[in-house]
Amino acid sequence: MDTLAHLGTALGLSLASGLSLYGAAFLTGLAIDLGWVQLAPQFEPLRVLGEPIVLLVAGGLFTVEFFADKIPWLDSAWDAVHTVIRPIGGALLAIRVLGDLSPTAEVVALLLLGGVSLAAHGAKASLRLTANASPEPFSNWLLSFTENGLVVGIVWLALGHPILALVLGAAGLALALTLVVWLGRRAVLALRGFRARARARFPAGPGRLG
């Protein structure tokens, strides 16, 4: 049962990190610092996230991300920058739950957990790119607040209900992988449509300056 709890918490934190690494780290640290969750002995390595300096840095970066994430196209630029940061950070955050591992097991765990974070990040980035290429601006706010809520919920499950987090996290991972494929195609089509509308609105021609 302890092994399943470890896996559930690690999977949940890696998924949450794929949506918002800073949010996952900050919320986990805040919950620990304020005593909202009582860490089981096997999760003690996460206690470092409740240190004041960690909370300050994670909270500051999460605040910047919170506002950047709600501005069309800036959110996609932010996602592009974090394509490497989220998977690596998510893997390093989640692996703390697994305790001492052999070098081989540690490398395998880092690769798998990083892949989980990358899948969640890919689904989020593809969905945002599709929304940005659409004519209406309000979906960004809705998507952003939904993602914020998901991060809160996933962290809560990962810390308080790790077995449930394992089951739902596996389903969420499968959904994220499906969305990456489906939305990736939709994003390409939407960008082509956006480019076509831009060309129609601002046609370029050799005679325009004459």
N, C-alpha and C. Protein backbone atom coordinates (compact mmCIF):
# COMPACT_ATOMS: atom_id res chain seq x y z
N MET A 1 0.83 -1.21 0.00
CA MET A 1 0.00 0.00 0.00
C MET A 1 0.86 1.26 0.00
N ASP A 2 1.98 1.23 0.77
CA ASP A 2 2.87 2.39 0.79
C ASP A 2 3.45 2.67 -0.59
N THR A 3 3.78 1.60 -1.31
CA THR A 3 4.33 1.77 -2.65
C THR A 3 3.32 2.45 -3.57
N LEU A 4 2.06 2.01 -3.49
CA LEU A 4 1.02 2.63 -4.31
C LEU A 4 0.81 4.09 -3.91
N ALA A 5 0.90 4.39 -2.61
CA ALA A 5 0.76 5.77 -2.15
C ALA A 5 1.89 6.63 -2.69
N HIS A 6 3.10 6.09 -2.66
CA HIS A 6 4.24 6.82 -3.23
C HIS A 6 3.99 7.13 -4.70
N LEU A 7 3.58 6.11 -5.44
CA LEU A 7 3.36 6.28 -6.88
C LEU A 7 2.24 7.28 -7.15
N GLY A 8 1.16 7.21 -6.35
CA GLY A 8 0.05 8.14 -6.55
C GLY A 8 0.45 9.58 -6.32
N THR A 9 1.20 9.82 -5.25
CA THR A 9 1.64 11.19 -4.96
C THR A 9 2.62 11.68 -6.03
N ALA A 10 3.55 10.82 -6.43
CA ALA A 10 4.53 11.21 -7.46
C ALA A 10 3.82 11.50 -8.78
N LEU A 11 2.87 10.65 -9.15
CA LEU A 11 2.14 10.85 -10.41
C LEU A 11 1.32 12.13 -10.36
N GLY A 12 0.64 12.36 -9.23
CA GLY A 12 -0.16 13.58 -9.10
C GLY A 12 0.67 14.84 -9.19
N LEU A 13 1.80 14.87 -8.49
CA LEU A 13 2.64 16.06 -8.50
C LEU A 13 3.27 16.29 -9.88
N SER A 14 3.61 15.23 -10.58
CA SER A 14 4.19 15.41 -11.91
C SER A 14 3.14 15.92 -12.90
N LEU A 15 1.89 15.45 -12.77
CA LEU A 15 0.83 15.97 -13.62
C LEU A 15 0.56 17.44 -13.33
N ALA A 16 0.45 17.77 -12.04
CA ALA A 16 0.21 19.17 -11.67
C ALA A 16 1.34 20.07 -12.15
N SER A 17 2.57 19.58 -12.08
CA SER A 17 3.71 20.37 -12.52
C SER A 17 3.69 20.62 -14.02
N GLY A 18 3.11 19.67 -14.78
CA GLY A 18 3.00 19.88 -16.21
C GLY A 18 2.06 21.02 -16.56
N LEU A 19 1.07 21.27 -15.69
CA LEU A 19 0.17 22.41 -15.88
C LEU A 19 0.76 23.68 -15.31
N SER A 20 1.37 23.59 -14.14
CA SER A 20 1.99 24.76 -13.50
C SER A 20 3.00 24.27 -12.48
N LEU A 21 4.26 24.27 -12.85
CA LEU A 21 5.32 23.81 -11.94
C LEU A 21 5.36 24.68 -10.69
N TYR A 22 5.30 26.00 -10.91
CA TYR A 22 5.39 26.91 -9.76
C TYR A 22 4.16 26.79 -8.88
N GLY A 23 3.00 26.61 -9.48
CA GLY A 23 1.78 26.44 -8.71
C GLY A 23 1.82 25.18 -7.88
N ALA A 24 2.28 24.08 -8.48
CA ALA A 24 2.35 22.81 -7.76
C ALA A 24 3.32 22.90 -6.58
N ALA A 25 4.49 23.50 -6.81
CA ALA A 25 5.47 23.63 -5.74
C ALA A 25 4.97 24.55 -4.64
N PHE A 26 4.37 25.69 -5.03
CA PHE A 26 3.89 26.65 -4.04
C PHE A 26 2.74 26.09 -3.22
N LEU A 27 1.76 25.47 -3.87
CA LEU A 27 0.60 24.94 -3.15
C LEU A 27 1.00 23.80 -2.23
N THR A 28 1.92 22.95 -2.68
CA THR A 28 2.40 21.87 -1.82
C THR A 28 3.11 22.43 -0.60
N GLY A 29 4.01 23.39 -0.83
CA GLY A 29 4.72 23.99 0.29
C GLY A 29 3.81 24.74 1.24
N LEU A 30 2.82 25.45 0.70
CA LEU A 30 1.89 26.20 1.54
C LEU A 30 1.05 25.26 2.39
N ALA A 31 0.57 24.17 1.79
CA ALA A 31 -0.23 23.20 2.53
C ALA A 31 0.58 22.58 3.67
N ILE A 32 1.85 22.34 3.42
CA ILE A 32 2.72 21.76 4.46
C ILE A 32 3.00 22.79 5.54
N ASP A 33 3.32 24.02 5.14
CA ASP A 33 3.69 25.06 6.09
C ASP A 33 2.53 25.43 7.01
N LEU A 34 1.32 25.48 6.47
CA LEU A 34 0.15 25.87 7.27
C LEU A 34 -0.52 24.70 7.97
N GLY A 35 0.01 23.51 7.75
CA GLY A 35 -0.56 22.35 8.41
C GLY A 35 -1.86 21.87 7.81
N TRP A 36 -2.14 22.24 6.56
CA TRP A 36 -3.38 21.78 5.91
C TRP A 36 -3.33 20.29 5.65
N VAL A 37 -2.14 19.74 5.49
CA VAL A 37 -1.98 18.29 5.33
C VAL A 37 -0.96 17.81 6.35
N GLN A 38 -1.19 16.63 6.87
CA GLN A 38 -0.24 15.99 7.75
C GLN A 38 0.53 14.95 6.94
N LEU A 39 1.81 15.24 6.73
CA LEU A 39 2.60 14.37 5.88
C LEU A 39 2.86 13.03 6.57
N ALA A 40 2.59 11.97 5.84
CA ALA A 40 2.98 10.65 6.31
C ALA A 40 4.51 10.58 6.31
N PRO A 41 5.10 9.71 7.15
CA PRO A 41 6.57 9.66 7.24
C PRO A 41 7.27 9.50 5.90
N GLN A 42 6.65 8.74 4.97
CA GLN A 42 7.31 8.51 3.69
C GLN A 42 7.35 9.75 2.80
N PHE A 43 6.55 10.77 3.16
CA PHE A 43 6.51 11.97 2.34
C PHE A 43 7.30 13.13 2.96
N GLU A 44 8.07 12.85 4.00
CA GLU A 44 8.84 13.89 4.68
C GLU A 44 9.78 14.66 3.76
N PRO A 45 10.37 14.04 2.71
CA PRO A 45 11.24 14.81 1.82
C PRO A 45 10.56 16.01 1.17
N LEU A 46 9.23 16.03 1.13
CA LEU A 46 8.52 17.17 0.56
C LEU A 46 8.51 18.38 1.49
N ARG A 47 8.88 18.20 2.75
CA ARG A 47 8.78 19.28 3.73
C ARG A 47 9.63 20.49 3.36
N VAL A 48 10.68 20.28 2.56
CA VAL A 48 11.53 21.39 2.15
C VAL A 48 10.74 22.43 1.36
N LEU A 49 9.65 22.01 0.72
CA LEU A 49 8.84 22.95 -0.04
C LEU A 49 8.14 23.96 0.85
N GLY A 50 8.04 23.67 2.15
CA GLY A 50 7.43 24.60 3.08
C GLY A 50 8.39 25.60 3.67
N GLU A 51 9.68 25.54 3.29
CA GLU A 51 10.66 26.50 3.78
C GLU A 51 10.34 27.89 3.23
N PRO A 52 10.53 28.94 4.05
CA PRO A 52 10.14 30.31 3.62
C PRO A 52 10.75 30.74 2.30
N ILE A 53 12.02 30.47 2.06
CA ILE A 53 12.66 30.92 0.83
C ILE A 53 12.07 30.20 -0.38
N VAL A 54 11.75 28.92 -0.21
CA VAL A 54 11.15 28.16 -1.31
C VAL A 54 9.75 28.69 -1.61
N LEU A 55 8.99 28.95 -0.54
CA LEU A 55 7.65 29.51 -0.72
C LEU A 55 7.70 30.88 -1.40
N LEU A 56 8.68 31.69 -1.03
CA LEU A 56 8.80 33.03 -1.60
C LEU A 56 9.10 32.97 -3.09
N VAL A 57 10.05 32.13 -3.47
CA VAL A 57 10.43 32.03 -4.88
C VAL A 57 9.30 31.39 -5.69
N ALA A 58 8.76 30.27 -5.21
CA ALA A 58 7.68 29.59 -5.94
C ALA A 58 6.44 30.46 -6.02
N GLY A 59 6.12 31.15 -4.93
CA GLY A 59 4.95 32.03 -4.93
C GLY A 59 5.11 33.20 -5.87
N GLY A 60 6.30 33.78 -5.91
CA GLY A 60 6.56 34.90 -6.82
C GLY A 60 6.44 34.49 -8.28
N LEU A 61 7.04 33.35 -8.61
CA LEU A 61 6.96 32.87 -10.00
C LEU A 61 5.54 32.46 -10.36
N PHE A 62 4.82 31.89 -9.42
CA PHE A 62 3.43 31.51 -9.67
C PHE A 62 2.56 32.74 -9.90
N THR A 63 2.84 33.82 -9.19
CA THR A 63 2.09 35.06 -9.39
C THR A 63 2.30 35.61 -10.79
N VAL A 64 3.57 35.62 -11.24
CA VAL A 64 3.86 36.08 -12.60
C VAL A 64 3.13 35.20 -13.62
N GLU A 65 3.21 33.89 -13.40
CA GLU A 65 2.57 32.96 -14.33
C GLU A 65 1.06 33.11 -14.32
N PHE A 66 0.48 33.38 -13.15
CA PHE A 66 -0.97 33.51 -13.02
C PHE A 66 -1.51 34.59 -13.95
N PHE A 67 -0.81 35.72 -14.03
CA PHE A 67 -1.26 36.82 -14.89
C PHE A 67 -0.84 36.62 -16.34
N ALA A 68 0.38 36.12 -16.56
CA ALA A 68 0.83 35.89 -17.94
C ALA A 68 -0.04 34.85 -18.63
N ASP A 69 -0.56 33.91 -17.86
CA ASP A 69 -1.34 32.81 -18.40
C ASP A 69 -2.70 33.24 -18.91
N LYS A 70 -3.09 34.48 -18.63
CA LYS A 70 -4.43 34.94 -19.01
C LYS A 70 -4.40 35.95 -20.15
N ILE A 71 -3.23 36.16 -20.73
CA ILE A 71 -3.08 37.09 -21.85
C ILE A 71 -2.84 36.29 -23.13
N PRO A 72 -3.75 36.41 -24.12
CA PRO A 72 -3.59 35.65 -25.36
C PRO A 72 -2.22 35.85 -25.99
N TRP A 73 -1.65 34.77 -26.48
CA TRP A 73 -0.35 34.66 -27.12
C TRP A 73 0.80 34.77 -26.13
N LEU A 74 0.68 35.63 -25.11
CA LEU A 74 1.71 35.64 -24.08
C LEU A 74 1.70 34.30 -23.34
N ASP A 75 0.50 33.73 -23.17
CA ASP A 75 0.42 32.43 -22.51
C ASP A 75 1.12 31.34 -23.32
N SER A 76 0.97 31.40 -24.64
CA SER A 76 1.64 30.42 -25.49
C SER A 76 3.16 30.62 -25.49
N ALA A 77 3.59 31.88 -25.47
CA ALA A 77 5.03 32.15 -25.37
C ALA A 77 5.58 31.63 -24.05
N TRP A 78 4.81 31.83 -22.98
CA TRP A 78 5.21 31.33 -21.65
C TRP A 78 5.30 29.79 -21.67
N ASP A 79 4.32 29.16 -22.31
CA ASP A 79 4.35 27.70 -22.42
C ASP A 79 5.57 27.24 -23.21
N ALA A 80 5.90 27.95 -24.28
CA ALA A 80 7.05 27.56 -25.10
C ALA A 80 8.34 27.61 -24.28
N VAL A 81 8.49 28.65 -23.48
CA VAL A 81 9.68 28.78 -22.64
C VAL A 81 9.75 27.65 -21.63
N HIS A 82 8.59 27.19 -21.15
CA HIS A 82 8.55 26.18 -20.09
C HIS A 82 8.44 24.75 -20.62
N THR A 83 8.62 24.57 -21.91
CA THR A 83 8.56 23.22 -22.47
C THR A 83 9.64 22.31 -21.87
N VAL A 84 10.76 22.86 -21.54
CA VAL A 84 11.83 22.10 -20.89
C VAL A 84 11.74 22.22 -19.37
N ILE A 85 11.40 23.40 -18.89
CA ILE A 85 11.42 23.65 -17.44
C ILE A 85 10.41 22.79 -16.69
N ARG A 86 9.18 22.71 -17.21
CA ARG A 86 8.14 21.96 -16.50
C ARG A 86 8.44 20.46 -16.39
N PRO A 87 8.82 19.79 -17.47
CA PRO A 87 9.13 18.36 -17.33
C PRO A 87 10.29 18.08 -16.38
N ILE A 88 11.35 18.87 -16.48
CA ILE A 88 12.50 18.64 -15.60
C ILE A 88 12.14 18.96 -14.16
N GLY A 89 11.52 20.13 -13.95
CA GLY A 89 11.13 20.51 -12.59
C GLY A 89 10.10 19.57 -12.00
N GLY A 90 9.13 19.13 -12.83
CA GLY A 90 8.12 18.21 -12.35
C GLY A 90 8.72 16.88 -11.93
N ALA A 91 9.67 16.39 -12.70
CA ALA A 91 10.33 15.13 -12.36
C ALA A 91 11.13 15.25 -11.07
N LEU A 92 11.87 16.35 -10.92
CA LEU A 92 12.67 16.55 -9.71
C LEU A 92 11.78 16.73 -8.48
N LEU A 93 10.64 17.41 -8.66
CA LEU A 93 9.72 17.59 -7.53
C LEU A 93 9.08 16.27 -7.14
N ALA A 94 8.58 15.52 -8.12
CA ALA A 94 7.85 14.29 -7.82
C ALA A 94 8.76 13.19 -7.28
N ILE A 95 10.01 13.16 -7.72
CA ILE A 95 10.88 12.06 -7.32
C ILE A 95 11.26 12.13 -5.84
N ARG A 96 11.08 13.30 -5.23
CA ARG A 96 11.36 13.42 -3.80
C ARG A 96 10.46 12.51 -2.98
N VAL A 97 9.31 12.19 -3.53
CA VAL A 97 8.37 11.32 -2.82
C VAL A 97 8.89 9.88 -2.75
N LEU A 98 9.69 9.48 -3.73
CA LEU A 98 10.07 8.08 -3.86
C LEU A 98 11.23 7.69 -2.96
N GLY A 99 11.83 8.65 -2.27
CA GLY A 99 12.89 8.33 -1.32
C GLY A 99 14.19 7.93 -2.01
N ASP A 100 15.01 7.16 -1.30
CA ASP A 100 16.31 6.73 -1.83
C ASP A 100 16.11 5.62 -2.86
N LEU A 101 16.67 5.84 -4.02
CA LEU A 101 16.59 4.87 -5.10
C LEU A 101 17.99 4.53 -5.58
N SER A 102 18.11 3.39 -6.20
CA SER A 102 19.37 3.06 -6.85
C SER A 102 19.57 3.99 -8.04
N PRO A 103 20.81 4.20 -8.46
CA PRO A 103 21.04 5.10 -9.60
C PRO A 103 20.22 4.74 -10.83
N THR A 104 20.09 3.45 -11.12
CA THR A 104 19.32 3.03 -12.28
C THR A 104 17.84 3.36 -12.11
N ALA A 105 17.29 3.01 -10.93
CA ALA A 105 15.88 3.29 -10.67
C ALA A 105 15.60 4.79 -10.68
N GLU A 106 16.57 5.57 -10.20
CA GLU A 106 16.39 7.01 -10.16
C GLU A 106 16.31 7.60 -11.56
N VAL A 107 17.17 7.14 -12.45
CA VAL A 107 17.16 7.63 -13.83
C VAL A 107 15.85 7.24 -14.52
N VAL A 108 15.42 6.00 -14.33
CA VAL A 108 14.17 5.54 -14.93
C VAL A 108 12.99 6.36 -14.40
N ALA A 109 12.97 6.59 -13.07
CA ALA A 109 11.88 7.35 -12.47
C ALA A 109 11.86 8.78 -12.99
N LEU A 110 13.03 9.39 -13.12
CA LEU A 110 13.10 10.76 -13.63
C LEU A 110 12.57 10.84 -15.06
N LEU A 111 12.94 9.87 -15.88
CA LEU A 111 12.47 9.87 -17.26
C LEU A 111 10.96 9.69 -17.34
N LEU A 112 10.42 8.76 -16.55
CA LEU A 112 8.98 8.51 -16.58
C LEU A 112 8.19 9.69 -16.03
N LEU A 113 8.64 10.23 -14.89
CA LEU A 113 7.92 11.36 -14.29
C LEU A 113 8.04 12.60 -15.16
N GLY A 114 9.20 12.80 -15.77
CA GLY A 114 9.35 13.92 -16.70
C GLY A 114 8.44 13.75 -17.90
N GLY A 115 8.27 12.50 -18.36
CA GLY A 115 7.36 12.25 -19.47
C GLY A 115 5.91 12.55 -19.11
N VAL A 116 5.53 12.26 -17.86
CA VAL A 116 4.17 12.58 -17.40
C VAL A 116 3.96 14.10 -17.41
N SER A 117 4.93 14.83 -16.86
CA SER A 117 4.83 16.30 -16.86
C SER A 117 4.80 16.86 -18.28
N LEU A 118 5.60 16.27 -19.16
CA LEU A 118 5.64 16.73 -20.55
C LEU A 118 4.29 16.49 -21.24
N ALA A 119 3.65 15.36 -20.95
CA ALA A 119 2.35 15.07 -21.56
C ALA A 119 1.31 16.09 -21.10
N ALA A 120 1.30 16.39 -19.79
CA ALA A 120 0.35 17.39 -19.28
C ALA A 120 0.64 18.76 -19.87
N HIS A 121 1.92 19.11 -19.94
CA HIS A 121 2.31 20.39 -20.53
C HIS A 121 1.91 20.46 -22.00
N GLY A 122 2.12 19.36 -22.73
CA GLY A 122 1.78 19.35 -24.15
C GLY A 122 0.29 19.54 -24.38
N ALA A 123 -0.53 18.91 -23.54
CA ALA A 123 -1.97 19.07 -23.66
C ALA A 123 -2.38 20.52 -23.38
N LYS A 124 -1.81 21.09 -22.33
CA LYS A 124 -2.12 22.48 -21.98
C LYS A 124 -1.69 23.44 -23.09
N ALA A 125 -0.45 23.29 -23.57
CA ALA A 125 0.08 24.20 -24.58
C ALA A 125 -0.70 24.09 -25.89
N SER A 126 -1.06 22.86 -26.28
CA SER A 126 -1.82 22.67 -27.52
C SER A 126 -3.20 23.29 -27.42
N LEU A 127 -3.84 23.12 -26.26
CA LEU A 127 -5.17 23.69 -26.06
C LEU A 127 -5.11 25.21 -26.11
N ARG A 128 -4.09 25.80 -25.48
CA ARG A 128 -3.94 27.26 -25.49
C ARG A 128 -3.67 27.78 -26.89
N LEU A 129 -2.85 27.07 -27.63
CA LEU A 129 -2.52 27.51 -28.98
C LEU A 129 -3.76 27.49 -29.87
N THR A 130 -4.58 26.46 -29.70
CA THR A 130 -5.83 26.38 -30.45
C THR A 130 -6.76 27.53 -30.07
N ALA A 131 -6.85 27.81 -28.78
CA ALA A 131 -7.72 28.90 -28.32
C ALA A 131 -7.23 30.26 -28.82
N ASN A 132 -5.93 30.46 -28.82
CA ASN A 132 -5.38 31.74 -29.27
C ASN A 132 -5.62 31.99 -30.75
N ALA A 133 -5.68 30.92 -31.52
CA ALA A 133 -5.89 31.08 -32.95
C ALA A 133 -7.36 31.28 -33.31
N SER A 134 -8.25 31.16 -32.32
CA SER A 134 -9.67 31.39 -32.57
C SER A 134 -9.99 32.87 -32.43
N PRO A 135 -11.07 33.35 -33.02
CA PRO A 135 -11.35 34.78 -33.03
C PRO A 135 -11.76 35.36 -31.67
N GLU A 136 -12.36 34.54 -30.78
CA GLU A 136 -12.88 35.12 -29.53
C GLU A 136 -11.82 35.03 -28.42
N PRO A 137 -11.76 36.05 -27.53
CA PRO A 137 -10.68 36.13 -26.55
C PRO A 137 -11.00 35.54 -25.18
N PHE A 138 -12.25 35.15 -24.93
CA PHE A 138 -12.65 34.83 -23.56
C PHE A 138 -12.25 33.42 -23.13
N SER A 139 -11.97 32.54 -24.09
CA SER A 139 -11.63 31.18 -23.72
C SER A 139 -10.33 31.11 -22.94
N ASN A 140 -9.42 32.08 -23.15
CA ASN A 140 -8.16 32.07 -22.41
C ASN A 140 -8.39 32.17 -20.92
N TRP A 141 -9.26 33.08 -20.51
CA TRP A 141 -9.55 33.24 -19.09
C TRP A 141 -10.19 31.98 -18.52
N LEU A 142 -11.15 31.42 -19.25
CA LEU A 142 -11.83 30.22 -18.79
C LEU A 142 -10.85 29.06 -18.66
N LEU A 143 -10.01 28.87 -19.68
CA LEU A 143 -9.03 27.80 -19.63
C LEU A 143 -8.04 28.00 -18.50
N SER A 144 -7.59 29.23 -18.31
CA SER A 144 -6.59 29.51 -17.28
C SER A 144 -7.13 29.22 -15.89
N PHE A 145 -8.33 29.70 -15.60
CA PHE A 145 -8.90 29.45 -14.28
C PHE A 145 -9.21 27.97 -14.08
N THR A 146 -9.62 27.28 -15.16
CA THR A 146 -9.85 25.84 -15.06
C THR A 146 -8.55 25.11 -14.74
N GLU A 147 -7.46 25.50 -15.39
CA GLU A 147 -6.16 24.89 -15.12
C GLU A 147 -5.70 25.18 -13.70
N ASN A 148 -5.93 26.41 -13.23
CA ASN A 148 -5.58 26.73 -11.84
C ASN A 148 -6.34 25.83 -10.87
N GLY A 149 -7.64 25.63 -11.15
CA GLY A 149 -8.44 24.75 -10.31
C GLY A 149 -7.97 23.31 -10.36
N LEU A 150 -7.56 22.85 -11.54
CA LEU A 150 -7.05 21.49 -11.67
C LEU A 150 -5.76 21.30 -10.86
N VAL A 151 -4.89 22.29 -10.89
CA VAL A 151 -3.64 22.19 -10.12
C VAL A 151 -3.95 22.06 -8.63
N VAL A 152 -4.86 22.89 -8.14
CA VAL A 152 -5.25 22.82 -6.73
C VAL A 152 -5.82 21.44 -6.40
N GLY A 153 -6.74 20.96 -7.24
CA GLY A 153 -7.35 19.66 -7.00
C GLY A 153 -6.37 18.51 -7.05
N ILE A 154 -5.47 18.54 -8.03
CA ILE A 154 -4.51 17.44 -8.19
C ILE A 154 -3.53 17.41 -7.01
N VAL A 155 -3.05 18.58 -6.58
CA VAL A 155 -2.14 18.63 -5.44
C VAL A 155 -2.84 18.12 -4.18
N TRP A 156 -4.09 18.52 -3.99
CA TRP A 156 -4.86 18.06 -2.83
C TRP A 156 -5.00 16.54 -2.84
N LEU A 157 -5.32 15.98 -4.00
CA LEU A 157 -5.43 14.53 -4.11
C LEU A 157 -4.09 13.85 -3.87
N ALA A 158 -3.03 14.40 -4.47
CA ALA A 158 -1.72 13.78 -4.36
C ALA A 158 -1.24 13.71 -2.92
N LEU A 159 -1.53 14.73 -2.14
CA LEU A 159 -1.05 14.78 -0.75
C LEU A 159 -2.00 14.08 0.21
N GLY A 160 -3.29 14.23 -0.02
CA GLY A 160 -4.26 13.70 0.94
C GLY A 160 -4.86 12.36 0.59
N HIS A 161 -4.93 12.04 -0.70
CA HIS A 161 -5.57 10.80 -1.14
C HIS A 161 -4.73 10.18 -2.27
N PRO A 162 -3.54 9.70 -1.95
CA PRO A 162 -2.61 9.25 -3.00
C PRO A 162 -3.11 8.07 -3.83
N ILE A 163 -3.87 7.16 -3.22
CA ILE A 163 -4.37 6.02 -3.99
C ILE A 163 -5.37 6.49 -5.04
N LEU A 164 -6.26 7.38 -4.62
CA LEU A 164 -7.20 7.96 -5.58
C LEU A 164 -6.46 8.77 -6.63
N ALA A 165 -5.41 9.47 -6.21
CA ALA A 165 -4.60 10.24 -7.16
C ALA A 165 -3.95 9.33 -8.19
N LEU A 166 -3.58 8.12 -7.77
CA LEU A 166 -2.96 7.16 -8.70
C LEU A 166 -3.96 6.74 -9.78
N VAL A 167 -5.18 6.43 -9.36
CA VAL A 167 -6.20 5.99 -10.31
C VAL A 167 -6.59 7.12 -11.26
N LEU A 168 -6.94 8.27 -10.67
CA LEU A 168 -7.36 9.41 -11.50
C LEU A 168 -6.19 9.96 -12.31
N GLY A 169 -4.98 9.89 -11.73
CA GLY A 169 -3.81 10.38 -12.45
C GLY A 169 -3.52 9.55 -13.69
N ALA A 170 -3.70 8.23 -13.59
CA ALA A 170 -3.49 7.37 -14.76
C ALA A 170 -4.50 7.70 -15.85
N ALA A 171 -5.75 7.94 -15.43
CA ALA A 171 -6.77 8.33 -16.41
C ALA A 171 -6.45 9.70 -17.00
N GLY A 172 -6.00 10.62 -16.15
CA GLY A 172 -5.63 11.95 -16.62
C GLY A 172 -4.47 11.93 -17.59
N LEU A 173 -3.51 11.04 -17.34
CA LEU A 173 -2.36 10.91 -18.24
C LEU A 173 -2.81 10.40 -19.60
N ALA A 174 -3.69 9.41 -19.60
CA ALA A 174 -4.21 8.90 -20.88
C ALA A 174 -4.96 9.99 -21.63
N LEU A 175 -5.74 10.79 -20.91
CA LEU A 175 -6.47 11.89 -21.54
C LEU A 175 -5.51 12.93 -22.09
N ALA A 176 -4.47 13.24 -21.33
CA ALA A 176 -3.49 14.24 -21.77
C ALA A 176 -2.80 13.80 -23.06
N LEU A 177 -2.43 12.53 -23.13
CA LEU A 177 -1.77 12.02 -24.34
C LEU A 177 -2.71 12.08 -25.54
N THR A 178 -3.99 11.76 -25.30
CA THR A 178 -4.98 11.85 -26.38
C THR A 178 -5.14 13.29 -26.85
N LEU A 179 -5.20 14.22 -25.88
CA LEU A 179 -5.36 15.63 -26.24
C LEU A 179 -4.16 16.16 -27.00
N VAL A 180 -2.97 15.71 -26.62
CA VAL A 180 -1.77 16.18 -27.32
C VAL A 180 -1.86 15.86 -28.81
N VAL A 181 -2.28 14.63 -29.13
CA VAL A 181 -2.38 14.22 -30.54
C VAL A 181 -3.51 14.98 -31.24
N TRP A 182 -4.68 14.99 -30.62
CA TRP A 182 -5.85 15.61 -31.25
C TRP A 182 -5.70 17.12 -31.38
N LEU A 183 -5.30 17.76 -30.26
CA LEU A 183 -5.19 19.21 -30.27
C LEU A 183 -4.00 19.68 -31.08
N GLY A 184 -2.96 18.85 -31.17
CA GLY A 184 -1.83 19.22 -32.00
C GLY A 184 -2.26 19.43 -33.45
N ARG A 185 -3.11 18.53 -33.93
CA ARG A 185 -3.62 18.68 -35.30
C ARG A 185 -4.54 19.89 -35.40
N ARG A 186 -5.40 20.07 -34.38
CA ARG A 186 -6.31 21.22 -34.40
C ARG A 186 -5.53 22.53 -34.35
N ALA A 187 -4.45 22.55 -33.57
CA ALA A 187 -3.66 23.78 -33.45
C ALA A 187 -3.02 24.15 -34.79
N VAL A 188 -2.54 23.15 -35.52
CA VAL A 188 -1.94 23.43 -36.83
C VAL A 188 -2.98 24.01 -37.78
N LEU A 189 -4.17 23.42 -37.80
CA LEU A 189 -5.24 23.92 -38.66
C LEU A 189 -5.68 25.32 -38.25
N ALA A 190 -5.78 25.55 -36.92
CA ALA A 190 -6.20 26.86 -36.44
C ALA A 190 -5.17 27.93 -36.79
N LEU A 191 -3.89 27.60 -36.69
CA LEU A 191 -2.85 28.57 -37.02
C LEU A 191 -2.88 28.90 -38.51
N ARG A 192 -3.16 27.90 -39.33
CA ARG A 192 -3.27 28.17 -40.77
C ARG A 192 -4.45 29.09 -41.05
N GLY A 193 -5.57 28.87 -40.35
CA GLY A 193 -6.72 29.75 -40.53
C GLY A 193 -6.43 31.16 -40.05
N PHE A 194 -5.71 31.27 -38.92
CA PHE A 194 -5.34 32.58 -38.40
C PHE A 194 -4.43 33.33 -39.37
N ARG A 195 -3.49 32.60 -39.96
CA ARG A 195 -2.58 33.22 -40.93
C ARG A 195 -3.33 33.66 -42.18
N ALA A 196 -4.30 32.84 -42.59
CA ALA A 196 -5.08 33.21 -43.78
C ALA A 196 -5.91 34.46 -43.52
N ARG A 197 -6.50 34.58 -42.31
CA ARG A 197 -7.29 35.77 -41.97
C ARG A 197 -6.40 37.00 -41.91
N ALA A 198 -5.18 36.83 -41.37
CA ALA A 198 -4.26 37.96 -41.27
C ALA A 198 -3.83 38.44 -42.66
N ARG A 199 -3.59 37.50 -43.57
CA ARG A 199 -3.20 37.88 -44.93
C ARG A 199 -4.34 38.57 -45.66
N ALA A 200 -5.57 38.10 -45.39
CA ALA A 200 -6.73 38.72 -46.04
C ALA A 200 -6.95 40.14 -45.52
N ARG A 201 -6.64 40.34 -44.24
CA ARG A 201 -6.87 41.66 -43.65
C ARG A 201 -5.76 42.63 -44.01
N PHE A 202 -4.51 42.12 -44.12
CA PHE A 202 -3.36 42.98 -44.45
C PHE A 202 -2.65 42.41 -45.66
N PRO A 203 -3.26 42.53 -46.83
CA PRO A 203 -2.64 41.96 -48.03
C PRO A 203 -1.35 42.69 -48.39
N ALA A 204 -0.39 41.92 -48.84
CA ALA A 204 0.88 42.50 -49.26
C ALA A 204 0.93 42.50 -50.78
N GLY A 205 1.30 43.60 -51.35
CA GLY A 205 1.37 43.67 -52.81
C GLY A 205 2.40 44.70 -53.24
N PRO A 206 3.00 44.52 -54.41
CA PRO A 206 4.07 45.43 -54.85
C PRO A 206 3.58 46.82 -55.15
N GLY A 207 2.27 46.98 -55.40
CA GLY A 207 1.80 48.30 -55.79
C GLY A 207 1.26 49.15 -54.67
N ARG A 208 1.38 48.68 -53.42
CA ARG A 208 0.75 49.39 -52.33
C ARG A 208 1.46 50.68 -51.98
N LEU A 209 2.75 50.78 -52.28
CA LEU A 209 3.48 51.98 -51.89
C LEU A 209 3.46 53.04 -52.99
N GLY A 210 3.00 52.69 -54.17
CA GLY A 210 3.06 53.61 -55.28
C GLY A 210 1.92 54.61 -55.30
